[in-house]
């Protein structure tokens, strides 16, 4: 069983990550999980960044526009999506 402290830490990291992704989407045209890793403290689990990007996508903040290869040594040239801010009809007008 996980302690409440670990669960809170994961939940807090996730909320901070989604907020950071939103900030990236407003400050740069395209970004990847490598950019999130540079901006954030280490994730509590290796799947946490992907879950944060999925949450931001599901909230309508971002959309995938391309794929690339990670430049992070820890990712060993793994593939990643390139993301951009999702422009809604309200923002396009």
Protein backbone atom coordinates (compact mmCIF):
# COMPACT_ATOMS: atom_id res chain seq x y z
CA UNK A 1 0.00 0.00 0.00
CA UNK A 2 1.30 3.45 -0.89
CA UNK A 3 1.59 6.07 1.77
CA UNK A 4 -0.50 9.23 1.53
CA UNK A 5 2.70 11.26 1.13
CA UNK A 6 3.69 9.40 -2.05
CA UNK A 7 0.20 9.71 -3.51
CA UNK A 8 0.11 13.43 -2.79
CA UNK A 9 3.57 13.81 -4.33
CA UNK A 10 2.46 12.09 -7.54
CA UNK A 11 -0.77 14.10 -7.70
CA UNK A 12 1.08 17.36 -7.06
CA UNK A 13 3.71 16.53 -9.70
CA UNK A 14 0.93 15.77 -12.19
CA UNK A 15 -0.87 19.08 -11.52
CA UNK A 16 2.41 20.99 -11.76
CA UNK A 17 3.29 19.20 -15.00
CA UNK A 18 -0.05 20.03 -16.66
CA UNK A 19 0.40 23.68 -15.61
CA UNK A 20 3.95 23.66 -17.00
CA UNK A 21 2.72 22.14 -20.29
CA UNK A 22 0.12 24.90 -20.53
CA UNK A 23 2.86 27.46 -19.90
CA UNK A 24 5.06 25.91 -22.59
CA UNK A 25 2.15 25.97 -25.04
CA UNK A 26 1.73 29.69 -24.47
CA UNK A 27 5.44 30.55 -24.70
CA UNK A 28 6.81 28.44 -27.58
CA UNK A 29 5.28 27.28 -30.83
CA UNK A 30 6.26 23.60 -30.50
CA UNK A 31 7.59 21.59 -27.56
CA UNK A 32 8.23 18.02 -26.41
CA UNK A 33 8.48 16.00 -23.21
CA UNK A 34 12.20 16.86 -23.21
CA UNK A 35 11.19 20.50 -22.67
CA UNK A 36 8.93 19.45 -19.80
CA UNK A 37 11.81 17.50 -18.23
CA UNK A 38 14.02 20.59 -18.37
CA UNK A 39 11.34 22.74 -16.69
CA UNK A 40 10.17 20.28 -14.01
CA UNK A 41 11.59 18.37 -11.09
CA UNK A 42 12.06 14.62 -11.78
CA UNK A 43 8.86 12.70 -12.33
CA UNK A 44 7.77 10.26 -9.62
CA UNK A 45 7.34 7.52 -12.26
CA UNK A 46 8.62 7.09 -15.81
CA UNK A 47 5.07 7.16 -17.19
CA UNK A 48 4.14 10.39 -15.41
CA UNK A 49 5.18 12.80 -18.22
CA UNK A 50 3.10 10.89 -20.77
CA UNK A 51 0.12 10.93 -18.43
CA UNK A 52 0.49 14.69 -17.99
CA UNK A 53 0.61 15.27 -21.75
CA UNK A 54 -2.46 13.04 -22.20
CA UNK A 55 -4.30 15.04 -19.54
CA UNK A 56 -3.36 18.36 -21.18
CA UNK A 57 -4.52 17.00 -24.56
CA UNK A 58 -7.80 15.73 -23.06
CA UNK A 59 -8.40 19.15 -21.49
CA UNK A 60 -8.08 20.69 -24.97
CA UNK A 61 -4.88 22.66 -24.24
CA UNK A 62 -2.54 20.97 -26.73
CA UNK A 63 -2.45 18.79 -29.82
CA UNK A 64 0.22 16.60 -31.37
CA UNK A 65 1.73 17.96 -34.57
CA UNK A 66 4.77 15.80 -35.31
CA UNK A 67 7.20 13.21 -33.97
CA UNK A 68 10.88 13.48 -33.28
CA UNK A 69 13.68 11.67 -31.46
CA UNK A 70 14.58 12.56 -27.89
CA UNK A 71 17.89 14.29 -27.30
CA UNK A 72 17.82 13.34 -23.61
CA UNK A 73 20.46 10.76 -22.66
CA UNK A 74 18.03 9.07 -20.29
CA UNK A 75 15.59 8.49 -23.19
CA UNK A 76 18.30 6.93 -25.42
CA UNK A 77 16.97 8.41 -28.68
CA UNK A 78 13.42 7.31 -27.91
CA UNK A 79 10.63 8.73 -30.02
CA UNK A 80 8.53 11.61 -28.77
CA UNK A 81 5.64 13.65 -29.96
CA UNK A 82 5.96 17.31 -30.78
CA UNK A 83 3.09 19.34 -29.33
CA UNK A 84 1.58 22.76 -29.92
CA UNK A 85 -1.14 24.84 -28.32
CA UNK A 86 -4.54 23.82 -29.60
CA UNK A 87 -6.27 26.73 -31.25
CA UNK A 88 -10.01 26.62 -30.70
CA UNK A 89 -12.63 28.42 -32.74
CA UNK A 90 -12.90 31.03 -29.98
CA UNK A 91 -9.15 31.76 -30.18
CA UNK A 92 -9.02 31.73 -33.98
CA UNK A 93 -11.59 34.52 -34.41
